Amino acid sequence: MNEGMEQPPARSAWNRVIAVLRFEPGIFREIAQDSRATGQACVVFGVAVLLSCLWTLPIVPIAWLFGFLGLAMMTGLFMLLARMFVGGPPSDGAADSHELREDRRDDMPPYSGWLRAILFASAPAAFGVVPLVGTFIGAIYNLILQIVAIRELSGISTGAAVMAWIIAVLVPGILLVVSIMIFGFSILAIFGLNEFLH
């Protein structure tokens, strides 16, 4: 899809945040299709992180940087996995279902559209302004919104969107654990402590 085409009517960031929090049907697709919403998405993410870290202001720049990089990486994984779920095995071996899946893949927004939608889905992080309880509620709300965004942007079922989300979260987690283990074994070998492993 070309971002220059089919621009939805402009809405304010506040109206879009309200629509996202109310699970308004089509809101994530609207955000993904509106290339003018990139600034809005960044502001929504920035304000949400600022409010979630209000009690620990010195870490806000770090939270912005790592939060944005993390969401950018997760968005790519969400998009890739959703495309895989759209391309699942054909039902009844029909050629029409293959063409339908290809049409749905072609109809998916580009990465920039996905990123805008996922940044808007981070709005509930602002609930972290209330320590502990708000952070917990915001995290659950954000998770649900991400799944809804995956489902809406890719046209897959809710179950497939949940699976895409779980796999997207597990892959970096597994890579992180493996990296830590390799780094740990390397440090042991450097200091000649690898006999502790035997």
N, C-alpha and C. Protein backbone atom coordinates (compact mmCIF):
# COMPACT_ATOMS: atom_id res chain seq x y z
N MET A 1 0.85 -1.18 0.00
CA MET A 1 0.00 0.00 0.00
C MET A 1 0.88 1.23 0.00
N ASN A 2 0.60 2.17 -0.83
CA ASN A 2 1.35 3.40 -0.88
C ASN A 2 0.76 4.36 0.15
N GLU A 3 1.65 4.91 1.00
CA GLU A 3 1.15 5.78 2.07
C GLU A 3 0.59 7.09 1.53
N GLY A 4 0.95 7.45 0.31
CA GLY A 4 0.44 8.68 -0.25
C GLY A 4 -1.01 8.57 -0.70
N MET A 5 -1.53 7.36 -0.76
CA MET A 5 -2.90 7.15 -1.24
C MET A 5 -3.83 6.88 -0.07
N GLU A 6 -5.09 7.09 -0.29
CA GLU A 6 -6.14 6.76 0.65
C GLU A 6 -5.90 7.32 2.05
N GLN A 7 -5.54 8.59 2.14
CA GLN A 7 -5.33 9.21 3.44
C GLN A 7 -6.67 9.39 4.13
N PRO A 8 -6.83 8.84 5.35
CA PRO A 8 -8.08 9.03 6.06
C PRO A 8 -8.20 10.48 6.54
N PRO A 9 -9.40 10.90 6.92
CA PRO A 9 -9.55 12.26 7.40
C PRO A 9 -8.70 12.48 8.65
N ALA A 10 -8.12 13.67 8.74
CA ALA A 10 -7.25 13.98 9.87
C ALA A 10 -8.06 14.07 11.16
N ARG A 11 -7.54 13.46 12.20
CA ARG A 11 -8.11 13.55 13.54
C ARG A 11 -7.02 13.99 14.47
N SER A 12 -7.37 14.62 15.55
CA SER A 12 -6.36 15.03 16.52
C SER A 12 -5.81 13.79 17.23
N ALA A 13 -4.61 13.93 17.77
CA ALA A 13 -3.99 12.82 18.50
C ALA A 13 -4.88 12.43 19.69
N TRP A 14 -5.44 13.41 20.36
CA TRP A 14 -6.30 13.12 21.52
C TRP A 14 -7.50 12.27 21.10
N ASN A 15 -8.17 12.65 20.00
CA ASN A 15 -9.33 11.88 19.54
C ASN A 15 -8.93 10.47 19.15
N ARG A 16 -7.75 10.33 18.56
CA ARG A 16 -7.28 8.99 18.20
C ARG A 16 -6.94 8.16 19.45
N VAL A 17 -6.35 8.78 20.44
CA VAL A 17 -6.05 8.06 21.68
C VAL A 17 -7.34 7.58 22.33
N ILE A 18 -8.34 8.43 22.37
CA ILE A 18 -9.64 8.04 22.94
C ILE A 18 -10.22 6.87 22.14
N ALA A 19 -10.14 6.95 20.80
CA ALA A 19 -10.66 5.87 19.95
C ALA A 19 -9.90 4.58 20.20
N VAL A 20 -8.58 4.66 20.37
CA VAL A 20 -7.76 3.47 20.65
C VAL A 20 -8.17 2.87 21.99
N LEU A 21 -8.29 3.71 23.02
CA LEU A 21 -8.63 3.21 24.35
C LEU A 21 -10.04 2.63 24.41
N ARG A 22 -10.90 3.06 23.50
CA ARG A 22 -12.28 2.53 23.43
C ARG A 22 -12.39 1.34 22.47
N PHE A 23 -11.27 0.92 21.90
CA PHE A 23 -11.27 -0.19 20.93
C PHE A 23 -12.18 0.10 19.74
N GLU A 24 -12.18 1.34 19.26
CA GLU A 24 -13.02 1.70 18.12
C GLU A 24 -12.60 0.88 16.91
N PRO A 25 -13.51 0.17 16.27
CA PRO A 25 -13.15 -0.63 15.10
C PRO A 25 -12.55 0.24 13.99
N GLY A 26 -11.47 -0.24 13.42
CA GLY A 26 -10.82 0.45 12.31
C GLY A 26 -9.84 1.53 12.70
N ILE A 27 -9.69 1.82 13.98
CA ILE A 27 -8.82 2.93 14.39
C ILE A 27 -7.36 2.65 14.06
N PHE A 28 -6.90 1.42 14.27
CA PHE A 28 -5.49 1.13 13.99
C PHE A 28 -5.20 1.18 12.50
N ARG A 29 -6.14 0.74 11.69
CA ARG A 29 -5.96 0.82 10.23
C ARG A 29 -5.95 2.29 9.81
N GLU A 30 -6.81 3.10 10.42
CA GLU A 30 -6.83 4.54 10.11
C GLU A 30 -5.48 5.17 10.43
N ILE A 31 -4.94 4.86 11.59
CA ILE A 31 -3.65 5.41 12.00
C ILE A 31 -2.55 4.93 11.06
N ALA A 32 -2.58 3.64 10.71
CA ALA A 32 -1.55 3.07 9.84
C ALA A 32 -1.58 3.70 8.44
N GLN A 33 -2.76 4.06 7.96
CA GLN A 33 -2.89 4.62 6.62
C GLN A 33 -2.57 6.11 6.56
N ASP A 34 -2.58 6.78 7.68
CA ASP A 34 -2.38 8.23 7.71
C ASP A 34 -0.92 8.55 7.99
N SER A 35 -0.15 8.83 6.94
CA SER A 35 1.28 9.13 7.13
C SER A 35 1.47 10.41 7.94
N ARG A 36 0.45 11.25 8.00
CA ARG A 36 0.54 12.47 8.81
C ARG A 36 0.47 12.18 10.29
N ALA A 37 0.10 10.95 10.67
CA ALA A 37 -0.05 10.59 12.09
C ALA A 37 1.27 10.17 12.73
N THR A 38 2.37 10.20 11.99
CA THR A 38 3.65 9.78 12.55
C THR A 38 4.04 10.66 13.74
N GLY A 39 3.93 11.97 13.57
CA GLY A 39 4.24 12.89 14.67
C GLY A 39 3.32 12.66 15.85
N GLN A 40 2.03 12.45 15.58
CA GLN A 40 1.08 12.18 16.66
C GLN A 40 1.49 10.93 17.43
N ALA A 41 1.86 9.88 16.70
CA ALA A 41 2.23 8.61 17.34
C ALA A 41 3.45 8.79 18.23
N CYS A 42 4.43 9.56 17.76
CA CYS A 42 5.63 9.81 18.57
C CYS A 42 5.30 10.62 19.82
N VAL A 43 4.40 11.59 19.68
CA VAL A 43 4.00 12.39 20.84
C VAL A 43 3.24 11.53 21.84
N VAL A 44 2.33 10.69 21.36
CA VAL A 44 1.57 9.80 22.25
C VAL A 44 2.54 8.90 23.02
N PHE A 45 3.49 8.30 22.32
CA PHE A 45 4.47 7.43 22.97
C PHE A 45 5.30 8.23 23.99
N GLY A 46 5.77 9.41 23.58
CA GLY A 46 6.60 10.23 24.47
C GLY A 46 5.88 10.64 25.73
N VAL A 47 4.64 11.07 25.60
CA VAL A 47 3.86 11.48 26.78
C VAL A 47 3.55 10.28 27.66
N ALA A 48 3.23 9.14 27.05
CA ALA A 48 2.94 7.93 27.84
C ALA A 48 4.15 7.51 28.65
N VAL A 49 5.33 7.54 28.03
CA VAL A 49 6.56 7.16 28.76
C VAL A 49 6.86 8.18 29.85
N LEU A 50 6.70 9.46 29.54
CA LEU A 50 6.95 10.51 30.54
C LEU A 50 6.06 10.31 31.76
N LEU A 51 4.77 10.08 31.53
CA LEU A 51 3.84 9.89 32.66
C LEU A 51 4.14 8.60 33.41
N SER A 52 4.54 7.55 32.69
CA SER A 52 4.81 6.29 33.38
C SER A 52 6.08 6.37 34.23
N CYS A 53 6.99 7.27 33.86
CA CYS A 53 8.26 7.42 34.60
C CYS A 53 8.27 8.70 35.44
N LEU A 54 7.12 9.27 35.69
CA LEU A 54 7.05 10.55 36.38
C LEU A 54 7.73 10.51 37.75
N TRP A 55 7.66 9.37 38.41
CA TRP A 55 8.24 9.25 39.76
C TRP A 55 9.74 9.03 39.71
N THR A 56 10.25 8.73 38.53
CA THR A 56 11.69 8.52 38.36
C THR A 56 12.16 9.29 37.13
N LEU A 57 12.00 10.61 37.17
CA LEU A 57 12.28 11.46 36.01
C LEU A 57 13.66 11.28 35.38
N PRO A 58 14.71 11.03 36.15
CA PRO A 58 16.03 10.90 35.50
C PRO A 58 16.12 9.77 34.47
N ILE A 59 15.27 8.75 34.58
CA ILE A 59 15.37 7.64 33.62
C ILE A 59 14.50 7.84 32.37
N VAL A 60 13.78 8.96 32.29
CA VAL A 60 12.89 9.19 31.15
C VAL A 60 13.63 9.13 29.81
N PRO A 61 14.78 9.81 29.65
CA PRO A 61 15.47 9.71 28.33
C PRO A 61 15.87 8.28 27.98
N ILE A 62 16.30 7.51 28.97
CA ILE A 62 16.68 6.12 28.73
C ILE A 62 15.44 5.31 28.36
N ALA A 63 14.33 5.55 29.08
CA ALA A 63 13.08 4.84 28.80
C ALA A 63 12.57 5.18 27.41
N TRP A 64 12.69 6.45 27.01
CA TRP A 64 12.28 6.84 25.66
C TRP A 64 13.09 6.09 24.62
N LEU A 65 14.41 6.12 24.77
CA LEU A 65 15.28 5.50 23.77
C LEU A 65 15.06 3.99 23.69
N PHE A 66 15.20 3.30 24.83
CA PHE A 66 15.07 1.85 24.80
C PHE A 66 13.63 1.40 24.55
N GLY A 67 12.67 2.18 25.03
CA GLY A 67 11.27 1.86 24.76
C GLY A 67 10.96 1.96 23.27
N PHE A 68 11.45 3.02 22.64
CA PHE A 68 11.19 3.20 21.21
C PHE A 68 11.89 2.11 20.40
N LEU A 69 13.17 1.85 20.72
CA LEU A 69 13.90 0.80 20.00
C LEU A 69 13.24 -0.57 20.18
N GLY A 70 12.79 -0.84 21.41
CA GLY A 70 12.11 -2.11 21.67
C GLY A 70 10.82 -2.23 20.89
N LEU A 71 10.03 -1.16 20.88
CA LEU A 71 8.77 -1.19 20.12
C LEU A 71 9.03 -1.27 18.62
N ALA A 72 10.08 -0.62 18.14
CA ALA A 72 10.41 -0.68 16.72
C ALA A 72 10.76 -2.12 16.33
N MET A 73 11.53 -2.79 17.17
CA MET A 73 11.90 -4.18 16.89
C MET A 73 10.67 -5.08 16.98
N MET A 74 9.88 -4.91 18.02
CA MET A 74 8.68 -5.73 18.20
C MET A 74 7.70 -5.53 17.04
N THR A 75 7.59 -4.30 16.56
CA THR A 75 6.69 -4.02 15.45
C THR A 75 7.09 -4.82 14.21
N GLY A 76 8.39 -4.86 13.93
CA GLY A 76 8.87 -5.65 12.80
C GLY A 76 8.52 -7.12 12.96
N LEU A 77 8.68 -7.64 14.18
CA LEU A 77 8.34 -9.04 14.44
C LEU A 77 6.83 -9.27 14.32
N PHE A 78 6.03 -8.33 14.86
CA PHE A 78 4.57 -8.45 14.73
C PHE A 78 4.18 -8.54 13.26
N MET A 79 4.74 -7.65 12.46
CA MET A 79 4.39 -7.59 11.04
C MET A 79 4.81 -8.87 10.32
N LEU A 80 6.02 -9.32 10.58
CA LEU A 80 6.53 -10.54 9.94
C LEU A 80 5.69 -11.75 10.31
N LEU A 81 5.41 -11.90 11.59
CA LEU A 81 4.64 -13.07 12.05
C LEU A 81 3.20 -13.01 11.56
N ALA A 82 2.61 -11.82 11.54
CA ALA A 82 1.24 -11.68 11.05
C ALA A 82 1.18 -12.08 9.58
N ARG A 83 2.20 -11.69 8.81
CA ARG A 83 2.25 -12.09 7.39
C ARG A 83 2.33 -13.60 7.26
N MET A 84 3.04 -14.25 8.17
CA MET A 84 3.15 -15.71 8.14
C MET A 84 1.80 -16.35 8.45
N PHE A 85 1.07 -15.76 9.41
CA PHE A 85 -0.24 -16.32 9.75
C PHE A 85 -1.24 -16.10 8.64
N VAL A 86 -1.13 -14.99 7.93
CA VAL A 86 -2.01 -14.76 6.77
C VAL A 86 -1.71 -15.81 5.72
N GLY A 87 -0.46 -16.21 5.62
CA GLY A 87 -0.06 -17.18 4.62
C GLY A 87 -0.12 -18.61 5.12
N GLY A 88 -1.04 -18.91 6.01
CA GLY A 88 -1.18 -20.26 6.54
C GLY A 88 -1.59 -21.24 5.46
N PRO A 89 -1.71 -22.53 5.81
CA PRO A 89 -2.06 -23.53 4.81
C PRO A 89 -3.44 -23.27 4.21
N PRO A 90 -3.58 -23.52 2.92
CA PRO A 90 -4.88 -23.26 2.28
C PRO A 90 -5.94 -24.21 2.79
N SER A 91 -7.15 -23.68 2.93
CA SER A 91 -8.27 -24.52 3.38
C SER A 91 -8.85 -25.22 2.17
N ASP A 92 -9.08 -26.52 2.29
CA ASP A 92 -9.67 -27.35 1.24
C ASP A 92 -8.83 -27.36 -0.05
N GLY A 93 -7.60 -26.91 0.02
CA GLY A 93 -6.72 -26.93 -1.15
C GLY A 93 -7.19 -26.03 -2.28
N ALA A 94 -8.06 -25.08 -1.99
CA ALA A 94 -8.62 -24.24 -3.05
C ALA A 94 -7.62 -23.19 -3.49
N ALA A 95 -7.53 -22.97 -4.80
CA ALA A 95 -6.64 -21.94 -5.34
C ALA A 95 -7.14 -20.55 -4.96
N ASP A 96 -8.46 -20.41 -4.80
CA ASP A 96 -9.02 -19.11 -4.42
C ASP A 96 -8.51 -18.66 -3.07
N SER A 97 -8.32 -19.58 -2.13
CA SER A 97 -7.87 -19.19 -0.80
C SER A 97 -6.43 -18.67 -0.87
N HIS A 98 -5.61 -19.22 -1.79
CA HIS A 98 -4.24 -18.72 -1.97
C HIS A 98 -4.27 -17.28 -2.47
N GLU A 99 -5.13 -17.01 -3.45
CA GLU A 99 -5.25 -15.65 -3.98
C GLU A 99 -5.77 -14.70 -2.92
N LEU A 100 -6.71 -15.17 -2.08
CA LEU A 100 -7.25 -14.35 -1.01
C LEU A 100 -6.16 -13.99 -0.01
N ARG A 101 -5.32 -14.97 0.35
CA ARG A 101 -4.23 -14.70 1.30
C ARG A 101 -3.24 -13.70 0.71
N GLU A 102 -2.94 -13.82 -0.58
CA GLU A 102 -2.02 -12.88 -1.22
C GLU A 102 -2.62 -11.47 -1.22
N ASP A 103 -3.93 -11.37 -1.48
CA ASP A 103 -4.59 -10.06 -1.45
C ASP A 103 -4.52 -9.46 -0.06
N ARG A 104 -4.73 -10.30 0.98
CA ARG A 104 -4.67 -9.79 2.35
C ARG A 104 -3.26 -9.35 2.72
N ARG A 105 -2.26 -10.06 2.22
CA ARG A 105 -0.87 -9.65 2.46
C ARG A 105 -0.59 -8.31 1.80
N ASP A 106 -1.05 -8.16 0.54
CA ASP A 106 -0.83 -6.91 -0.18
C ASP A 106 -1.57 -5.75 0.46
N ASP A 107 -2.67 -6.04 1.14
CA ASP A 107 -3.47 -5.00 1.77
C ASP A 107 -2.90 -4.54 3.11
N MET A 108 -1.93 -5.28 3.63
CA MET A 108 -1.34 -4.90 4.91
C MET A 108 -0.55 -3.61 4.76
N PRO A 109 -0.62 -2.73 5.77
CA PRO A 109 0.14 -1.48 5.70
C PRO A 109 1.64 -1.75 5.74
N PRO A 110 2.44 -0.79 5.31
CA PRO A 110 3.90 -0.95 5.40
C PRO A 110 4.36 -0.85 6.86
N TYR A 111 5.64 -1.09 7.08
CA TYR A 111 6.20 -1.07 8.43
C TYR A 111 5.91 0.24 9.15
N SER A 112 6.05 1.37 8.45
CA SER A 112 5.83 2.67 9.10
C SER A 112 4.40 2.78 9.63
N GLY A 113 3.44 2.23 8.91
CA GLY A 113 2.06 2.24 9.38
C GLY A 113 1.88 1.37 10.62
N TRP A 114 2.52 0.20 10.61
CA TRP A 114 2.47 -0.67 11.79
C TRP A 114 3.08 0.04 13.00
N LEU A 115 4.22 0.70 12.77
CA LEU A 115 4.89 1.38 13.89
C LEU A 115 4.00 2.47 14.48
N ARG A 116 3.34 3.24 13.63
CA ARG A 116 2.42 4.28 14.13
C ARG A 116 1.34 3.65 15.00
N ALA A 117 0.75 2.56 14.52
CA ALA A 117 -0.33 1.90 15.27
C ALA A 117 0.17 1.37 16.61
N ILE A 118 1.35 0.75 16.63
CA ILE A 118 1.89 0.19 17.88
C ILE A 118 2.27 1.31 18.84
N LEU A 119 2.77 2.43 18.32
CA LEU A 119 3.08 3.57 19.20
C LEU A 119 1.80 4.11 19.84
N PHE A 120 0.72 4.18 19.08
CA PHE A 120 -0.56 4.61 19.66
C PHE A 120 -1.04 3.60 20.70
N ALA A 121 -0.79 2.32 20.45
CA ALA A 121 -1.21 1.28 21.40
C ALA A 121 -0.46 1.39 22.73
N SER A 122 0.64 2.15 22.75
CA SER A 122 1.40 2.32 24.00
C SER A 122 0.79 3.36 24.92
N ALA A 123 -0.28 4.01 24.51
CA ALA A 123 -0.91 5.07 25.31
C ALA A 123 -1.22 4.65 26.75
N PRO A 124 -1.68 3.41 27.01
CA PRO A 124 -1.99 3.04 28.39
C PRO A 124 -0.79 3.03 29.34
N ALA A 125 0.42 3.12 28.80
CA ALA A 125 1.60 3.21 29.68
C ALA A 125 1.49 4.43 30.58
N ALA A 126 0.72 5.42 30.16
CA ALA A 126 0.52 6.63 30.96
C ALA A 126 -0.14 6.32 32.30
N PHE A 127 -0.85 5.20 32.39
CA PHE A 127 -1.47 4.82 33.66
C PHE A 127 -0.42 4.57 34.74
N GLY A 128 0.85 4.40 34.32
CA GLY A 128 1.94 4.20 35.25
C GLY A 128 2.19 5.40 36.14
N VAL A 129 1.50 6.50 35.87
CA VAL A 129 1.60 7.66 36.76
C VAL A 129 1.12 7.28 38.17
N VAL A 130 0.26 6.25 38.25
CA VAL A 130 -0.15 5.68 39.53
C VAL A 130 0.77 4.47 39.76
N PRO A 131 1.67 4.55 40.73
CA PRO A 131 2.65 3.48 40.91
C PRO A 131 1.99 2.11 41.12
N LEU A 132 2.65 1.09 40.67
CA LEU A 132 2.29 -0.32 40.79
C LEU A 132 0.98 -0.67 40.11
N VAL A 133 -0.14 -0.25 40.69
CA VAL A 133 -1.45 -0.61 40.15
C VAL A 133 -1.61 -0.05 38.74
N GLY A 134 -1.31 1.22 38.56
CA GLY A 134 -1.43 1.85 37.24
C GLY A 134 -0.50 1.22 36.23
N THR A 135 0.72 0.90 36.67
CA THR A 135 1.69 0.25 35.78
C THR A 135 1.18 -1.10 35.33
N PHE A 136 0.64 -1.88 36.26
CA PHE A 136 0.12 -3.21 35.94
C PHE A 136 -1.06 -3.11 34.97
N ILE A 137 -2.02 -2.23 35.28
CA ILE A 137 -3.19 -2.06 34.43
C ILE A 137 -2.76 -1.56 33.04
N GLY A 138 -1.84 -0.60 33.00
CA GLY A 138 -1.35 -0.08 31.73
C GLY A 138 -0.68 -1.15 30.89
N ALA A 139 0.10 -2.03 31.54
CA ALA A 139 0.80 -3.10 30.80
C ALA A 139 -0.20 -4.08 30.19
N ILE A 140 -1.22 -4.47 30.96
CA ILE A 140 -2.23 -5.40 30.45
C ILE A 140 -3.02 -4.75 29.31
N TYR A 141 -3.41 -3.50 29.51
CA TYR A 141 -4.16 -2.75 28.50
C TYR A 141 -3.33 -2.63 27.21
N ASN A 142 -2.04 -2.32 27.37
CA ASN A 142 -1.14 -2.19 26.22
C ASN A 142 -1.03 -3.51 25.47
N LEU A 143 -0.90 -4.61 26.19
CA LEU A 143 -0.82 -5.94 25.58
C LEU A 143 -2.07 -6.21 24.73
N ILE A 144 -3.23 -5.94 25.30
CA ILE A 144 -4.49 -6.19 24.59
C ILE A 144 -4.57 -5.31 23.34
N LEU A 145 -4.18 -4.04 23.46
CA LEU A 145 -4.22 -3.13 22.31
C LEU A 145 -3.25 -3.58 21.21
N GLN A 146 -2.09 -4.09 21.60
CA GLN A 146 -1.15 -4.58 20.59
C GLN A 146 -1.74 -5.76 19.83
N ILE A 147 -2.40 -6.66 20.55
CA ILE A 147 -3.03 -7.81 19.89
C ILE A 147 -4.15 -7.35 18.95
N VAL A 148 -4.94 -6.38 19.41
CA VAL A 148 -6.01 -5.84 18.55
C VAL A 148 -5.41 -5.19 17.31
N ALA A 149 -4.30 -4.45 17.48
CA ALA A 149 -3.64 -3.81 16.34
C ALA A 149 -3.13 -4.85 15.35
N ILE A 150 -2.51 -5.90 15.85
CA ILE A 150 -2.02 -6.97 14.98
C ILE A 150 -3.17 -7.58 14.18
N ARG A 151 -4.25 -7.88 14.90
CA ARG A 151 -5.42 -8.49 14.24
C ARG A 151 -6.00 -7.57 13.17
N GLU A 152 -6.14 -6.29 13.52
CA GLU A 152 -6.79 -5.35 12.61
C GLU A 152 -5.93 -5.03 11.40
N LEU A 153 -4.62 -4.88 11.59
CA LEU A 153 -3.75 -4.51 10.49
C LEU A 153 -3.50 -5.66 9.52
N SER A 154 -3.57 -6.89 10.03
CA SER A 154 -3.27 -8.04 9.18
C SER A 154 -4.51 -8.78 8.70
N GLY A 155 -5.64 -8.57 9.38
CA GLY A 155 -6.86 -9.27 9.01
C GLY A 155 -6.88 -10.73 9.43
N ILE A 156 -6.04 -11.09 10.41
CA ILE A 156 -6.03 -12.47 10.90
C ILE A 156 -6.97 -12.59 12.09
N SER A 157 -7.20 -13.81 12.54
CA SER A 157 -8.10 -14.03 13.68
C SER A 157 -7.44 -13.56 14.97
N THR A 158 -8.25 -13.41 16.01
CA THR A 158 -7.73 -13.00 17.32
C THR A 158 -6.75 -14.05 17.84
N GLY A 159 -7.06 -15.32 17.67
CA GLY A 159 -6.16 -16.38 18.12
C GLY A 159 -4.81 -16.32 17.43
N ALA A 160 -4.82 -16.08 16.11
CA ALA A 160 -3.57 -15.96 15.37
C ALA A 160 -2.80 -14.72 15.82
N ALA A 161 -3.52 -13.63 16.11
CA ALA A 161 -2.86 -12.41 16.58
C ALA A 161 -2.21 -12.64 17.94
N VAL A 162 -2.89 -13.39 18.81
CA VAL A 162 -2.31 -13.73 20.13
C VAL A 162 -1.04 -14.56 19.93
N MET A 163 -1.09 -15.54 19.03
CA MET A 163 0.09 -16.38 18.78
C MET A 163 1.23 -15.54 18.21
N ALA A 164 0.92 -14.63 17.29
CA ALA A 164 1.95 -13.76 16.72
C ALA A 164 2.59 -12.92 17.82
N TRP A 165 1.77 -12.40 18.74
CA TRP A 165 2.29 -11.59 19.84
C TRP A 165 3.19 -12.42 20.74
N ILE A 166 2.74 -13.62 21.11
CA ILE A 166 3.52 -14.48 22.01
C ILE A 166 4.87 -14.84 21.37
N ILE A 167 4.85 -15.24 20.10
CA ILE A 167 6.09 -15.62 19.44
C ILE A 167 7.02 -14.41 19.33
N ALA A 168 6.46 -13.24 19.01
CA ALA A 168 7.27 -12.03 18.89
C ALA A 168 7.93 -11.65 20.21
N VAL A 169 7.28 -11.95 21.31
CA VAL A 169 7.85 -11.64 22.63
C VAL A 169 8.88 -12.71 23.02
N LEU A 170 8.60 -13.98 22.67
CA LEU A 170 9.50 -15.06 23.05
C LEU A 170 10.84 -15.02 22.30
N VAL A 171 10.82 -14.68 21.02
CA VAL A 171 12.04 -14.71 20.22
C VAL A 171 13.13 -13.81 20.82
N PRO A 172 12.86 -12.53 21.10
CA PRO A 172 13.91 -11.71 21.70
C PRO A 172 14.31 -12.21 23.09
N GLY A 173 13.33 -12.73 23.85
CA GLY A 173 13.64 -13.26 25.18
C GLY A 173 14.59 -14.43 25.11
N ILE A 174 14.35 -15.34 24.18
CA ILE A 174 15.23 -16.50 24.01
C ILE A 174 16.61 -16.05 23.55
N LEU A 175 16.65 -15.12 22.60
CA LEU A 175 17.95 -14.61 22.12
C LEU A 175 18.72 -13.93 23.24
N LEU A 176 18.02 -13.20 24.10
CA LEU A 176 18.67 -12.53 25.22
C LEU A 176 19.26 -13.55 26.20
N VAL A 177 18.50 -14.59 26.54
CA VAL A 177 18.99 -15.62 27.46
C VAL A 177 20.20 -16.33 26.87
N VAL A 178 20.14 -16.69 25.59
CA VAL A 178 21.27 -17.36 24.93
C VAL A 178 22.49 -16.44 24.92
N SER A 179 22.28 -15.16 24.62
CA SER A 179 23.40 -14.20 24.60
C SER A 179 24.04 -14.07 25.98
N ILE A 180 23.22 -14.01 27.00
CA ILE A 180 23.75 -13.90 28.37
C ILE A 180 24.54 -15.15 28.72
N MET A 181 24.02 -16.32 28.34
CA MET A 181 24.73 -17.56 28.63
C MET A 181 26.07 -17.61 27.91
N ILE A 182 26.09 -17.23 26.63
CA ILE A 182 27.34 -17.24 25.87
C ILE A 182 28.33 -16.24 26.47
N PHE A 183 27.83 -15.05 26.82
CA PHE A 183 28.69 -14.04 27.43
C PHE A 183 29.24 -14.54 28.77
N GLY A 184 28.38 -15.17 29.55
CA GLY A 184 28.81 -15.70 30.85
C GLY A 184 29.86 -16.77 30.71
N PHE A 185 29.67 -17.70 29.78
CA PHE A 185 30.67 -18.76 29.55
C PHE A 185 31.98 -18.16 29.03
N SER A 186 31.89 -17.11 28.21
CA SER A 186 33.09 -16.46 27.70
C SER A 186 33.87 -15.80 28.82
N ILE A 187 33.19 -15.16 29.73
CA ILE A 187 33.85 -14.51 30.87
C ILE A 187 34.53 -15.56 31.74
N LEU A 188 33.84 -16.68 31.98
CA LEU A 188 34.45 -17.75 32.78
C LEU A 188 35.72 -18.26 32.11
N ALA A 189 35.68 -18.43 30.78
CA ALA A 189 36.85 -18.93 30.06
C ALA A 189 37.99 -17.91 30.09
N ILE A 190 37.67 -16.63 29.97
CA ILE A 190 38.70 -15.58 29.99
C ILE A 190 39.46 -15.60 31.31
N PHE A 191 38.74 -15.79 32.40
CA PHE A 191 39.38 -15.78 33.72
C PHE A 191 39.83 -17.17 34.16
N GLY A 192 39.75 -18.15 33.26
CA GLY A 192 40.22 -19.48 33.58
C GLY A 192 39.36 -20.19 34.61
N LEU A 193 38.10 -19.81 34.68
CA LEU A 193 37.21 -20.41 35.68
C LEU A 193 36.29 -21.46 35.07
N ASN A 194 36.60 -21.88 33.83
CA ASN A 194 35.69 -22.81 33.17
C ASN A 194 35.70 -24.20 33.80
N GLU A 195 36.63 -24.46 34.75
CA GLU A 195 36.59 -25.76 35.45
C GLU A 195 35.36 -25.86 36.34
N PHE A 196 34.74 -24.72 36.66
CA PHE A 196 33.52 -24.76 37.47
C PHE A 196 32.35 -25.37 36.68
N LEU A 197 32.48 -25.40 35.38
CA LEU A 197 31.41 -25.94 34.54
C LEU A 197 31.45 -27.46 34.48
N HIS A 198 32.57 -28.09 34.89
CA HIS A 198 32.71 -29.54 34.79
C HIS A 198 32.38 -30.21 36.11
